[in-house]
Amino acid sequence: MGDSRINRPARFRRMYWQRPRELTAADIPGIGHNGGPPLDEHIPEWGKGGIGTYFAWRAASEAAFKKVPVETAIRRAKRAAEIGLTYREYQLEILERGVFLQKDDTVRIAQIIAARSRR
């Protein structure tokens, strides 16, 4: 008798497909691997730290920008374009400091533009 694995016909001893030469055994995931992306390279939306209050902050931020009437948003967008800011920068200045920037506020406008270039 003997071991059936050894005494098999030649056609059963090898695989029916050949692995490409550029693919090594280290490239093939092990048992139990679902083939998803590596977790150490993925950075979630909220950054490398914990979630904390990310979703509450995000919902509040979206609500602050959505509650503005259309006419007001158009007027603020025009005013922001006149002084060289984006609508979001202008709106954030209103929400954070309660200040409606004018052309005379050159120092603060320069600070906002400098912060934009650092991002």
PDB file of N, CA and C in Angstrom:
ATOM      1  N   MET A   1       0.829  -1.175   0.000  1.00  0.00           N
ATOM      2  CA  MET A   1       0.000   0.000   0.000  1.00  0.00           C
ATOM      3  C   MET A   1       0.873   1.237   0.000  1.00  0.00           C
ATOM      4  N   GLY A   2       0.922   1.950   1.030  1.00  0.00           N
ATOM      5  CA  GLY A   2       1.749   3.152   1.059  1.00  0.00           C
ATOM      6  C   GLY A   2       0.893   4.396   1.206  1.00  0.00           C
ATOM      7  N   ASP A   3       1.570   5.445   1.288  1.00  0.00           N
ATOM      8  CA  ASP A   3       0.878   6.727   1.461  1.00  0.00           C
ATOM      9  C   ASP A   3       0.260   7.145   0.130  1.00  0.00           C
ATOM     10  N   SER A   4      -1.024   7.475   0.166  1.00  0.00           N
ATOM     11  CA  SER A   4      -1.714   7.793  -1.075  1.00  0.00           C
ATOM     12  C   SER A   4      -1.204   9.095  -1.704  1.00  0.00           C
ATOM     13  N   ARG A   5      -0.599   9.962  -0.868  1.00  0.00           N
ATOM     14  CA  ARG A   5      -0.087  11.202  -1.443  1.00  0.00           C
ATOM     15  C   ARG A   5       1.146  10.952  -2.309  1.00  0.00           C
ATOM     16  N   ILE A   6       1.917   9.970  -1.950  1.00  0.00           N
ATOM     17  CA  ILE A   6       3.140   9.686  -2.700  1.00  0.00           C
ATOM     18  C   ILE A   6       2.828   8.858  -3.935  1.00  0.00           C
ATOM     19  N   ASN A   7       1.886   7.951  -3.809  1.00  0.00           N
ATOM     20  CA  ASN A   7       1.593   7.036  -4.894  1.00  0.00           C
ATOM     21  C   ASN A   7       0.550   7.563  -5.875  1.00  0.00           C
ATOM     22  N   ARG A   8       0.259   8.818  -5.809  1.00  0.00           N
ATOM     23  CA  ARG A   8      -0.720   9.381  -6.749  1.00  0.00           C
ATOM     24  C   ARG A   8      -0.128   9.442  -8.152  1.00  0.00           C
ATOM     25  N   PRO A   9      -0.991   9.445  -9.129  1.00  0.00           N
ATOM     26  CA  PRO A   9      -0.495   9.655 -10.493  1.00  0.00           C
ATOM     27  C   PRO A   9       0.134  11.047 -10.630  1.00  0.00           C
ATOM     28  N   ALA A  10       0.983  11.247 -11.580  1.00  0.00           N
ATOM     29  CA  ALA A  10       1.745  12.478 -11.756  1.00  0.00           C
ATOM     30  C   ALA A  10       0.839  13.694 -11.960  1.00  0.00           C
ATOM     31  N   ARG A  11      -0.289  13.524 -12.562  1.00  0.00           N
ATOM     32  CA  ARG A  11      -1.154  14.676 -12.827  1.00  0.00           C
ATOM     33  C   ARG A  11      -1.708  15.287 -11.544  1.00  0.00           C
ATOM     34  N   PHE A  12      -1.727  14.545 -10.416  1.00  0.00           N
ATOM     35  CA  PHE A  12      -2.227  15.083  -9.167  1.00  0.00           C
ATOM     36  C   PHE A  12      -1.119  15.658  -8.283  1.00  0.00           C
ATOM     37  N   ARG A  13       0.120  15.454  -8.625  1.00  0.00           N
ATOM     38  CA  ARG A  13       1.224  15.892  -7.784  1.00  0.00           C
ATOM     39  C   ARG A  13       1.541  17.376  -7.912  1.00  0.00           C
ATOM     40  N   ARG A  14       1.121  18.007  -8.935  1.00  0.00           N
ATOM     41  CA  ARG A  14       1.431  19.431  -9.117  1.00  0.00           C
ATOM     42  C   ARG A  14       0.149  20.226  -9.302  1.00  0.00           C
ATOM     43  N   MET A  15       0.285  21.501  -9.134  1.00  0.00           N
ATOM     44  CA  MET A  15      -0.873  22.377  -9.280  1.00  0.00           C
ATOM     45  C   MET A  15      -1.215  22.525 -10.752  1.00  0.00           C
ATOM     46  N   TYR A  16      -2.455  22.830 -11.006  1.00  0.00           N
ATOM     47  CA  TYR A  16      -2.878  23.034 -12.387  1.00  0.00           C
ATOM     48  C   TYR A  16      -2.493  24.410 -12.886  1.00  0.00           C
ATOM     49  N   TRP A  17      -2.226  25.342 -11.989  1.00  0.00           N
ATOM     50  CA  TRP A  17      -1.822  26.682 -12.399  1.00  0.00           C
ATOM     51  C   TRP A  17      -0.473  26.990 -11.789  1.00  0.00           C
ATOM     52  N   GLN A  18       0.259  27.802 -12.441  1.00  0.00           N
ATOM     53  CA  GLN A  18       1.588  28.183 -11.954  1.00  0.00           C
ATOM     54  C   GLN A  18       1.553  29.604 -11.426  1.00  0.00           C
ATOM     55  N   ARG A  19       2.203  29.859 -10.325  1.00  0.00           N
ATOM     56  CA  ARG A  19       2.280  31.190  -9.740  1.00  0.00           C
ATOM     57  C   ARG A  19       3.237  32.035 -10.581  1.00  0.00           C
ATOM     58  N   PRO A  20       2.862  33.288 -10.856  1.00  0.00           N
ATOM     59  CA  PRO A  20       3.781  34.150 -11.610  1.00  0.00           C
ATOM     60  C   PRO A  20       5.113  34.305 -10.872  1.00  0.00           C
ATOM     61  N   ARG A  21       6.184  34.436 -11.608  1.00  0.00           N
ATOM     62  CA  ARG A  21       7.518  34.507 -11.000  1.00  0.00           C
ATOM     63  C   ARG A  21       7.702  35.737 -10.110  1.00  0.00           C
ATOM     64  N   GLU A  22       7.067  36.860 -10.452  1.00  0.00           N
ATOM     65  CA  GLU A  22       7.233  38.068  -9.650  1.00  0.00           C
ATOM     66  C   GLU A  22       6.469  37.999  -8.327  1.00  0.00           C
ATOM     67  N   LEU A  23       5.581  37.055  -8.158  1.00  0.00           N
ATOM     68  CA  LEU A  23       4.814  36.890  -6.933  1.00  0.00           C
ATOM     69  C   LEU A  23       5.511  35.867  -6.053  1.00  0.00           C
ATOM     70  N   THR A  24       5.912  36.295  -4.855  1.00  0.00           N
ATOM     71  CA  THR A  24       6.602  35.388  -3.942  1.00  0.00           C
ATOM     72  C   THR A  24       5.632  34.903  -2.876  1.00  0.00           C
ATOM     73  N   ALA A  25       6.069  33.951  -2.084  1.00  0.00           N
ATOM     74  CA  ALA A  25       5.229  33.415  -1.017  1.00  0.00           C
ATOM     75  C   ALA A  25       4.940  34.486   0.034  1.00  0.00           C
ATOM     76  N   ALA A  26       5.840  35.450   0.225  1.00  0.00           N
ATOM     77  CA  ALA A  26       5.630  36.520   1.204  1.00  0.00           C
ATOM     78  C   ALA A  26       4.505  37.456   0.766  1.00  0.00           C
ATOM     79  N   ASP A  27       4.224  37.521  -0.530  1.00  0.00           N
ATOM     80  CA  ASP A  27       3.165  38.391  -1.042  1.00  0.00           C
ATOM     81  C   ASP A  27       1.770  37.801  -0.853  1.00  0.00           C
ATOM     82  N   ILE A  28       1.675  36.513  -0.600  1.00  0.00           N
ATOM     83  CA  ILE A  28       0.384  35.858  -0.456  1.00  0.00           C
ATOM     84  C   ILE A  28      -0.050  35.947   1.003  1.00  0.00           C
ATOM     85  N   PRO A  29      -1.243  36.500   1.286  1.00  0.00           N
ATOM     86  CA  PRO A  29      -1.688  36.601   2.672  1.00  0.00           C
ATOM     87  C   PRO A  29      -1.915  35.230   3.292  1.00  0.00           C
ATOM     88  N   GLY A  30      -1.739  35.165   4.597  1.00  0.00           N
ATOM     89  CA  GLY A  30      -1.887  33.901   5.305  1.00  0.00           C
ATOM     90  C   GLY A  30      -3.338  33.516   5.533  1.00  0.00           C
ATOM     91  N   ILE A  31      -3.517  32.390   6.209  1.00  0.00           N
ATOM     92  CA  ILE A  31      -4.854  31.888   6.505  1.00  0.00           C
ATOM     93  C   ILE A  31      -5.557  32.864   7.442  1.00  0.00           C
ATOM     94  N   GLY A  32      -6.800  33.168   7.166  1.00  0.00           N
ATOM     95  CA  GLY A  32      -7.579  34.064   7.999  1.00  0.00           C
ATOM     96  C   GLY A  32      -7.482  35.522   7.576  1.00  0.00           C
ATOM     97  N   HIS A  33      -6.662  35.820   6.591  1.00  0.00           N
ATOM     98  CA  HIS A  33      -6.536  37.196   6.113  1.00  0.00           C
ATOM     99  C   HIS A  33      -7.655  37.463   5.124  1.00  0.00           C
ATOM    100  N   ASN A  34      -8.355  38.586   5.290  1.00  0.00           N
ATOM    101  CA  ASN A  34      -9.494  38.849   4.409  1.00  0.00           C
ATOM    102  C   ASN A  34      -9.108  39.609   3.143  1.00  0.00           C
ATOM    103  N   GLY A  35      -7.844  39.908   2.970  1.00  0.00           N
ATOM    104  CA  GLY A  35      -7.395  40.583   1.758  1.00  0.00           C
ATOM    105  C   GLY A  35      -7.655  42.072   1.747  1.00  0.00           C
ATOM    106  N   GLY A  36      -8.039  42.635   2.890  1.00  0.00           N
ATOM    107  CA  GLY A  36      -8.304  44.071   2.969  1.00  0.00           C
ATOM    108  C   GLY A  36      -7.014  44.876   3.040  1.00  0.00           C
ATOM    109  N   PRO A  37      -7.130  46.208   3.077  1.00  0.00           N
ATOM    110  CA  PRO A  37      -5.926  47.039   3.122  1.00  0.00           C
ATOM    111  C   PRO A  37      -5.221  46.895   4.463  1.00  0.00           C
ATOM    112  N   PRO A  38      -3.920  47.112   4.506  1.00  0.00           N
ATOM    113  CA  PRO A  38      -3.212  47.052   5.779  1.00  0.00           C
ATOM    114  C   PRO A  38      -3.682  48.175   6.701  1.00  0.00           C
ATOM    115  N   LEU A  39      -3.894  47.858   7.949  1.00  0.00           N
ATOM    116  CA  LEU A  39      -4.438  48.821   8.890  1.00  0.00           C
ATOM    117  C   LEU A  39      -3.426  49.868   9.331  1.00  0.00           C
ATOM    118  N   ASP A  40      -2.141  49.563   9.253  1.00  0.00           N
ATOM    119  CA  ASP A  40      -1.150  50.519   9.719  1.00  0.00           C
ATOM    120  C   ASP A  40      -0.970  51.693   8.754  1.00  0.00           C
ATOM    121  N   GLU A  41      -1.391  51.578   7.512  1.00  0.00           N
ATOM    122  CA  GLU A  41      -1.244  52.665   6.545  1.00  0.00           C
ATOM    123  C   GLU A  41      -2.485  53.542   6.457  1.00  0.00           C
ATOM    124  N   HIS A  42      -3.623  53.064   6.944  1.00  0.00           N
ATOM    125  CA  HIS A  42      -4.879  53.807   6.833  1.00  0.00           C
ATOM    126  C   HIS A  42      -4.986  54.841   7.946  1.00  0.00           C
ATOM    127  N   ILE A  43      -5.236  56.096   7.587  1.00  0.00           N
ATOM    128  CA  ILE A  43      -5.472  57.142   8.566  1.00  0.00           C
ATOM    129  C   ILE A  43      -6.928  57.562   8.420  1.00  0.00           C
ATOM    130  N   PRO A  44      -7.741  57.366   9.467  1.00  0.00           N
ATOM    131  CA  PRO A  44      -9.151  57.711   9.353  1.00  0.00           C
ATOM    132  C   PRO A  44      -9.372  59.207   9.235  1.00  0.00           C
ATOM    133  N   GLU A  45     -10.618  59.576   8.963  1.00  0.00           N
ATOM    134  CA  GLU A  45     -10.997  60.975   8.756  1.00  0.00           C
ATOM    135  C   GLU A  45     -10.656  61.860   9.947  1.00  0.00           C
ATOM    136  N   TRP A  46     -10.740  61.311  11.159  1.00  0.00           N
ATOM    137  CA  TRP A  46     -10.531  62.108  12.363  1.00  0.00           C
ATOM    138  C   TRP A  46      -9.081  62.150  12.808  1.00  0.00           C
ATOM    139  N   GLY A  47      -8.161  61.555  12.055  1.00  0.00           N
ATOM    140  CA  GLY A  47      -6.741  61.625  12.377  1.00  0.00           C
ATOM    141  C   GLY A  47      -6.257  60.377  13.091  1.00  0.00           C
ATOM    142  N   LYS A  48      -5.053  60.457  13.642  1.00  0.00           N
ATOM    143  CA  LYS A  48      -4.427  59.290  14.256  1.00  0.00           C
ATOM    144  C   LYS A  48      -4.898  59.050  15.683  1.00  0.00           C
ATOM    145  N   GLY A  49      -5.442  60.054  16.343  1.00  0.00           N
ATOM    146  CA  GLY A  49      -5.912  59.883  17.715  1.00  0.00           C
ATOM    147  C   GLY A  49      -7.253  59.172  17.762  1.00  0.00           C
ATOM    148  N   GLY A  50      -7.858  59.189  18.935  1.00  0.00           N
ATOM    149  CA  GLY A  50      -9.163  58.575  19.099  1.00  0.00           C
ATOM    150  C   GLY A  50     -10.262  59.417  18.467  1.00  0.00           C
ATOM    151  N   ILE A  51     -11.447  58.849  18.417  1.00  0.00           N
ATOM    152  CA  ILE A  51     -12.573  59.548  17.806  1.00  0.00           C
ATOM    153  C   ILE A  51     -12.990  60.746  18.648  1.00  0.00           C
ATOM    154  N   GLY A  52     -13.066  60.552  19.956  1.00  0.00           N
ATOM    155  CA  GLY A  52     -13.467  61.651  20.832  1.00  0.00           C
ATOM    156  C   GLY A  52     -14.841  62.177  20.448  1.00  0.00           C
ATOM    157  N   THR A  53     -14.939  63.454  20.162  1.00  0.00           N
ATOM    158  CA  THR A  53     -16.219  64.065  19.799  1.00  0.00           C
ATOM    159  C   THR A  53     -16.241  64.443  18.323  1.00  0.00           C
ATOM    160  N   TYR A  54     -15.538  63.686  17.503  1.00  0.00           N
ATOM    161  CA  TYR A  54     -15.409  64.017  16.082  1.00  0.00           C
ATOM    162  C   TYR A  54     -16.759  64.129  15.394  1.00  0.00           C
ATOM    163  N   PHE A  55     -17.635  63.137  15.595  1.00  0.00           N
ATOM    164  CA  PHE A  55     -18.899  63.135  14.871  1.00  0.00           C
ATOM    165  C   PHE A  55     -19.824  64.246  15.348  1.00  0.00           C
ATOM    166  N   ALA A  56     -19.796  64.552  16.644  1.00  0.00           N
ATOM    167  CA  ALA A  56     -20.598  65.665  17.158  1.00  0.00           C
ATOM    168  C   ALA A  56     -20.077  66.990  16.594  1.00  0.00           C
ATOM    169  N   TRP A  57     -18.757  67.138  16.534  1.00  0.00           N
ATOM    170  CA  TRP A  57     -18.159  68.355  15.984  1.00  0.00           C
ATOM    171  C   TRP A  57     -18.516  68.500  14.516  1.00  0.00           C
ATOM    172  N   ARG A  58     -18.441  67.407  13.771  1.00  0.00           N
ATOM    173  CA  ARG A  58     -18.726  67.444  12.339  1.00  0.00           C
ATOM    174  C   ARG A  58     -20.184  67.822  12.074  1.00  0.00           C
ATOM    175  N   ALA A  59     -21.104  67.248  12.854  1.00  0.00           N
ATOM    176  CA  ALA A  59     -22.518  67.566  12.681  1.00  0.00           C
ATOM    177  C   ALA A  59     -22.792  69.041  13.006  1.00  0.00           C
ATOM    178  N   ALA A  60     -22.152  69.553  14.063  1.00  0.00           N
ATOM    179  CA  ALA A  60     -22.346  70.957  14.434  1.00  0.00           C
ATOM    180  C   ALA A  60     -21.755  71.881  13.380  1.00  0.00           C
ATOM    181  N   SER A  61     -20.623  71.506  12.819  1.00  0.00           N
ATOM    182  CA  SER A  61     -19.979  72.321  11.789  1.00  0.00           C
ATOM    183  C   SER A  61     -20.842  72.379  10.528  1.00  0.00           C
ATOM    184  N   GLU A  62     -21.375  71.237  10.123  1.00  0.00           N
ATOM    185  CA  GLU A  62     -22.240  71.213   8.939  1.00  0.00           C
ATOM    186  C   GLU A  62     -23.519  72.000   9.181  1.00  0.00           C
ATOM    187  N   ALA A  63     -24.063  71.904  10.390  1.00  0.00           N
ATOM    188  CA  ALA A  63     -25.292  72.631  10.711  1.00  0.00           C
ATOM    189  C   ALA A  63     -25.057  74.136  10.681  1.00  0.00           C
ATOM    190  N   ALA A  64     -23.887  74.585  11.122  1.00  0.00           N
ATOM    191  CA  ALA A  64     -23.587  76.018  11.137  1.00  0.00           C
ATOM    192  C   ALA A  64     -23.526  76.582   9.717  1.00  0.00           C
ATOM    193  N   PHE A  65     -23.036  75.807   8.781  1.00  0.00           N
ATOM    194  CA  PHE A  65     -22.931  76.295   7.410  1.00  0.00           C
ATOM    195  C   PHE A  65     -24.242  76.142   6.644  1.00  0.00           C
ATOM    196  N   LYS A  66     -25.090  75.198   7.030  1.00  0.00           N
ATOM    197  CA  LYS A  66     -26.327  74.964   6.296  1.00  0.00           C
ATOM    198  C   LYS A  66     -27.476  75.866   6.728  1.00  0.00           C
ATOM    199  N   LYS A  67     -27.393  76.460   7.908  1.00  0.00           N
ATOM    200  CA  LYS A  67     -28.515  77.249   8.420  1.00  0.00           C
ATOM    201  C   LYS A  67     -28.542  78.680   7.900  1.00  0.00           C
ATOM    202  N   VAL A  68     -27.618  79.048   7.056  1.00  0.00           N
ATOM    203  CA  VAL A  68     -27.569  80.409   6.530  1.00  0.00           C
ATOM    204  C   VAL A  68     -28.548  80.522   5.356  1.00  0.00           C
ATOM    205  N   PRO A  69     -29.401  81.532   5.343  1.00  0.00           N
ATOM    206  CA  PRO A  69     -30.302  81.719   4.204  1.00  0.00           C
ATOM    207  C   PRO A  69     -29.525  81.966   2.903  1.00  0.00           C
ATOM    208  N   VAL A  70     -30.126  81.631   1.804  1.00  0.00           N
ATOM    209  CA  VAL A  70     -29.455  81.717   0.504  1.00  0.00           C
ATOM    210  C   VAL A  70     -29.001  83.143   0.197  1.00  0.00           C
ATOM    211  N   GLU A  71     -29.863  84.112   0.434  1.00  0.00           N
ATOM    212  CA  GLU A  71     -29.513  85.507   0.126  1.00  0.00           C
ATOM    213  C   GLU A  71     -28.313  85.962   0.954  1.00  0.00           C
ATOM    214  N   THR A  72     -28.292  85.554   2.225  1.00  0.00           N
ATOM    215  CA  THR A  72     -27.178  85.914   3.102  1.00  0.00           C
ATOM    216  C   THR A  72     -25.891  85.244   2.629  1.00  0.00           C
ATOM    217  N   ALA A  73     -25.980  83.992   2.227  1.00  0.00           N
ATOM    218  CA  ALA A  73     -24.801  83.272   1.752  1.00  0.00           C
ATOM    219  C   ALA A  73     -24.245  83.922   0.491  1.00  0.00           C
ATOM    220  N   ILE A  74     -25.109  84.336  -0.411  1.00  0.00           N
ATOM    221  CA  ILE A  74     -24.656  85.003  -1.647  1.00  0.00           C
ATOM    222  C   ILE A  74     -23.963  86.322  -1.315  1.00  0.00           C
ATOM    223  N   ARG A  75     -24.572  87.106  -0.417  1.00  0.00           N
ATOM    224  CA  ARG A  75     -23.988  88.392  -0.025  1.00  0.00           C
ATOM    225  C   ARG A  75     -22.619  88.190   0.639  1.00  0.00           C
ATOM    226  N   ARG A  76     -22.513  87.185   1.508  1.00  0.00           N
ATOM    227  CA  ARG A  76     -21.234  86.923   2.181  1.00  0.00           C
ATOM    228  C   ARG A  76     -20.187  86.407   1.201  1.00  0.00           C
ATOM    229  N   ALA A  77     -20.608  85.620   0.218  1.00  0.00           N
ATOM    230  CA  ALA A  77     -19.655  85.122  -0.784  1.00  0.00           C
ATOM    231  C   ALA A  77     -19.101  86.268  -1.617  1.00  0.00           C
ATOM    232  N   LYS A  78     -19.956  87.218  -1.974  1.00  0.00           N
ATOM    233  CA  LYS A  78     -19.482  88.384  -2.737  1.00  0.00           C
ATOM    234  C   LYS A  78     -18.519  89.223  -1.904  1.00  0.00           C
ATOM    235  N   ARG A  79     -18.874  89.443  -0.630  1.00  0.00           N
ATOM    236  CA  ARG A  79     -18.024  90.229   0.254  1.00  0.00           C
ATOM    237  C   ARG A  79     -16.672  89.547   0.467  1.00  0.00           C
ATOM    238  N   ALA A  80     -16.705  88.216   0.606  1.00  0.00           N
ATOM    239  CA  ALA A  80     -15.466  87.454   0.784  1.00  0.00           C
ATOM    240  C   ALA A  80     -14.585  87.552  -0.453  1.00  0.00           C
ATOM    241  N   ALA A  81     -15.190  87.483  -1.633  1.00  0.00           N
ATOM    242  CA  ALA A  81     -14.414  87.593  -2.877  1.00  0.00           C
ATOM    243  C   ALA A  81     -13.802  88.984  -3.019  1.00  0.00           C
ATOM    244  N   GLU A  82     -14.502  90.013  -2.559  1.00  0.00           N
ATOM    245  CA  GLU A  82     -13.974  91.380  -2.644  1.00  0.00           C
ATOM    246  C   GLU A  82     -12.714  91.557  -1.804  1.00  0.00           C
ATOM    247  N   ILE A  83     -12.672  90.916  -0.641  1.00  0.00           N
ATOM    248  CA  ILE A  83     -11.508  91.101   0.228  1.00  0.00           C
ATOM    249  C   ILE A  83     -10.462  90.003   0.056  1.00  0.00           C
ATOM    250  N   GLY A  84     -10.712  89.038  -0.833  1.00  0.00           N
ATOM    251  CA  GLY A  84      -9.689  88.039  -1.161  1.00  0.00           C
ATOM    252  C   GLY A  84      -9.746  86.765  -0.331  1.00  0.00           C
ATOM    253  N   LEU A  85     -10.882  86.472   0.274  1.00  0.00           N
ATOM    254  CA  LEU A  85     -11.041  85.255   1.058  1.00  0.00           C
ATOM    255  C   LEU A  85     -12.043  84.327   0.389  1.00  0.00           C
ATOM    256  N   THR A  86     -12.045  83.090   0.822  1.00  0.00           N
ATOM    257  CA  THR A  86     -13.078  82.163   0.364  1.00  0.00           C
ATOM    258  C   THR A  86     -14.308  82.338   1.249  1.00  0.00           C
ATOM    259  N   TYR A  87     -15.430  81.818   0.786  1.00  0.00           N
ATOM    260  CA  TYR A  87     -16.665  81.915   1.571  1.00  0.00           C
ATOM    261  C   TYR A  87     -16.496  81.222   2.913  1.00  0.00           C
ATOM    262  N   ARG A  88     -15.867  80.061   2.898  1.00  0.00           N
ATOM    263  CA  ARG A  88     -15.677  79.297   4.153  1.00  0.00           C
ATOM    264  C   ARG A  88     -14.812  80.069   5.142  1.00  0.00           C
ATOM    265  N   GLU A  89     -13.743  80.674   4.681  1.00  0.00           N
ATOM    266  CA  GLU A  89     -12.888  81.469   5.579  1.00  0.00           C
ATOM    267  C   GLU A  89     -13.656  82.648   6.163  1.00  0.00           C
ATOM    268  N   TYR A  90     -14.431  83.313   5.331  1.00  0.00           N
ATOM    269  CA  TYR A  90     -15.211  84.461   5.785  1.00  0.00           C
ATOM    270  C   TYR A  90     -16.276  84.023   6.795  1.00  0.00           C
ATOM    271  N   GLN A  91     -16.955  82.923   6.495  1.00  0.00           N
ATOM    272  CA  GLN A  91     -17.983  82.412   7.394  1.00  0.00           C
ATOM    273  C   GLN A  91     -17.377  81.966   8.724  1.00  0.00           C
ATOM    274  N   LEU A  92     -16.222  81.308   8.685  1.00  0.00           N
ATOM    275  CA  LEU A  92     -15.573  80.893   9.927  1.00  0.00           C
ATOM    276  C   LEU A  92     -15.184  82.090  10.782  1.00  0.00           C
ATOM    277  N   GLU A  93     -14.755  83.155  10.166  1.00  0.00           N
ATOM    278  CA  GLU A  93     -14.409  84.376  10.913  1.00  0.00           C
ATOM    279  C   GLU A  93     -15.647  84.937  11.615  1.00  0.00           C
ATOM    280  N   ILE A  94     -16.777  84.904  10.943  1.00  0.00           N
ATOM    281  CA  ILE A  94     -18.028  85.385  11.557  1.00  0.00           C
ATOM    282  C   ILE A  94     -18.424  84.474  12.715  1.00  0.00           C
ATOM    283  N   LEU A  95     -18.347  83.157  12.505  1.00  0.00           N
ATOM    284  CA  LEU A  95     -18.771  82.212  13.540  1.00  0.00           C
ATOM    285  C   LEU A  95     -17.832  82.209  14.742  1.00  0.00           C
ATOM    286  N   GLU A  96     -16.514  82.288  14.502  1.00  0.00           N
ATOM    287  CA  GLU A  96     -15.553  82.206  15.590  1.00  0.00           C
ATOM    288  C   GLU A  96     -15.418  83.511  16.367  1.00  0.00           C
ATOM    289  N   ARG A  97     -15.357  84.635  15.660  1.00  0.00           N
ATOM    290  CA  ARG A  97     -15.057  85.902  16.320  1.00  0.00           C
ATOM    291  C   ARG A  97     -16.221  86.882  16.334  1.00  0.00           C
ATOM    292  N   GLY A  98     -17.252  86.605  15.556  1.00  0.00           N
ATOM    293  CA  GLY A  98     -18.382  87.518  15.512  1.00  0.00           C
ATOM    294  C   GLY A  98     -18.062  88.814  14.794  1.00  0.00           C
ATOM    295  N   VAL A  99     -17.073  88.784  13.920  1.00  0.00           N
ATOM    296  CA  VAL A  99     -16.613  89.983  13.222  1.00  0.00           C
ATOM    297  C   VAL A  99     -16.898  89.821  11.730  1.00  0.00           C
ATOM    298  N   PHE A 100     -17.510  90.837  11.148  1.00  0.00           N
ATOM    299  CA  PHE A 100     -17.718  90.879   9.704  1.00  0.00           C
ATOM    300  C   PHE A 100     -16.544  91.654   9.117  1.00  0.00           C
ATOM    301  N   LEU A 101     -15.619  90.952   8.478  1.00  0.00           N
ATOM    302  CA  LEU A 101     -14.406  91.597   7.970  1.00  0.00           C
ATOM    303  C   LEU A 101     -14.726  92.592   6.867  1.00  0.00           C
ATOM    304  N   GLN A 102     -13.988  93.692   6.855  1.00  0.00           N
ATOM    305  CA  GLN A 102     -14.103  94.731   5.834  1.00  0.00           C
ATOM    306  C   GLN A 102     -12.757  94.853   5.127  1.00  0.00           C
ATOM    307  N   LYS A 103     -12.696  95.679   4.107  1.00  0.00           N
ATOM    308  CA  LYS A 103     -11.444  95.894   3.372  1.00  0.00           C
ATOM    309  C   LYS A 103     -10.372  96.524   4.257  1.00  0.00           C
ATOM    310  N   ASP A 104     -10.786  97.246   5.298  1.00  0.00           N
ATOM    311  CA  ASP A 104      -9.832  97.918   6.185  1.00  0.00           C
ATOM    312  C   ASP A 104      -9.125  96.956   7.135  1.00  0.00           C
ATOM    313  N   ASP A 105      -9.646  95.760   7.324  1.00  0.00           N
ATOM    314  CA  ASP A 105      -9.046  94.783   8.244  1.00  0.00           C
ATOM    315  C   ASP A 105      -7.918  94.014   7.556  1.00  0.00           C
ATOM    316  N   THR A 106      -6.940  94.736   7.068  1.00  0.00           N
ATOM    317  CA  THR A 106      -5.876  94.120   6.267  1.00  0.00           C
ATOM    318  C   THR A 106      -5.006  93.178   7.079  1.00  0.00           C
ATOM    319  N   VAL A 107      -4.782  93.468   8.346  1.00  0.00           N
ATOM    320  CA  VAL A 107      -3.913  92.620   9.170  1.00  0.00           C
ATOM    321  C   VAL A 107      -4.542  91.241   9.341  1.00  0.00           C
ATOM    322  N   ARG A 108      -5.817  91.210   9.713  1.00  0.00           N
ATOM    323  CA  ARG A 108      -6.491  89.918   9.925  1.00  0.00           C
ATOM    324  C   ARG A 108      -6.642  89.153   8.610  1.00  0.00           C
ATOM    325  N   ILE A 109      -6.919  89.834   7.533  1.00  0.00           N
ATOM    326  CA  ILE A 109      -7.039  89.171   6.227  1.00  0.00           C
ATOM    327  C   ILE A 109      -5.704  88.551   5.835  1.00  0.00           C
ATOM    328  N   ALA A 110      -4.606  89.267   6.083  1.00  0.00           N
ATOM    329  CA  ALA A 110      -3.272  88.733   5.776  1.00  0.00           C
ATOM    330  C   ALA A 110      -2.974  87.494   6.620  1.00  0.00           C
ATOM    331  N   GLN A 111      -3.411  87.492   7.890  1.00  0.00           N
ATOM    332  CA  GLN A 111      -3.204  86.322   8.743  1.00  0.00           C
ATOM    333  C   GLN A 111      -3.976  85.110   8.216  1.00  0.00           C
ATOM    334  N   ILE A 112      -5.192  85.329   7.769  1.00  0.00           N
ATOM    335  CA  ILE A 112      -6.012  84.225   7.257  1.00  0.00           C
ATOM    336  C   ILE A 112      -5.396  83.659   5.973  1.00  0.00           C
ATOM    337  N   ILE A 113      -4.921  84.545   5.104  1.00  0.00           N
ATOM    338  CA  ILE A 113      -4.308  84.089   3.849  1.00  0.00           C
ATOM    339  C   ILE A 113      -2.999  83.355   4.129  1.00  0.00           C
ATOM    340  N   ALA A 114      -2.228  83.824   5.114  1.00  0.00           N
ATOM    341  CA  ALA A 114      -0.976  83.140   5.479  1.00  0.00           C
ATOM    342  C   ALA A 114      -1.276  81.757   6.048  1.00  0.00           C
ATOM    343  N   ALA A 115      -2.334  81.638   6.846  1.00  0.00           N
ATOM    344  CA  ALA A 115      -2.705  80.329   7.392  1.00  0.00           C
ATOM    345  C   ALA A 115      -3.168  79.393   6.284  1.00  0.00           C
ATOM    346  N   ARG A 116      -3.786  79.924   5.260  1.00  0.00           N
ATOM    347  CA  ARG A 116      -4.232  79.111   4.125  1.00  0.00           C
ATOM    348  C   ARG A 116      -3.036  78.513   3.400  1.00  0.00           C
ATOM    349  N   SER A 117      -1.967  79.259   3.232  1.00  0.00           N
ATOM    350  CA  SER A 117      -0.803  78.770   2.505  1.00  0.00           C
ATOM    351  C   SER A 117      -0.030  77.734   3.303  1.00  0.00           C
ATOM    352  N   ARG A 118      -0.187  77.717   4.631  1.00  0.00           N
ATOM    353  CA  ARG A 118       0.507  76.706   5.464  1.00  0.00           C
ATOM    354  C   ARG A 118      -0.178  75.352   5.391  1.00  0.00           C
ATOM    355  N   ARG A 119      -1.440  75.309   5.008  1.00  0.00           N
ATOM    356  CA  ARG A 119      -2.160  74.025   4.952  1.00  0.00           C
ATOM    357  C   ARG A 119      -1.777  73.251   3.778  1.00  0.00           C
TER     358      ARG A 119
END
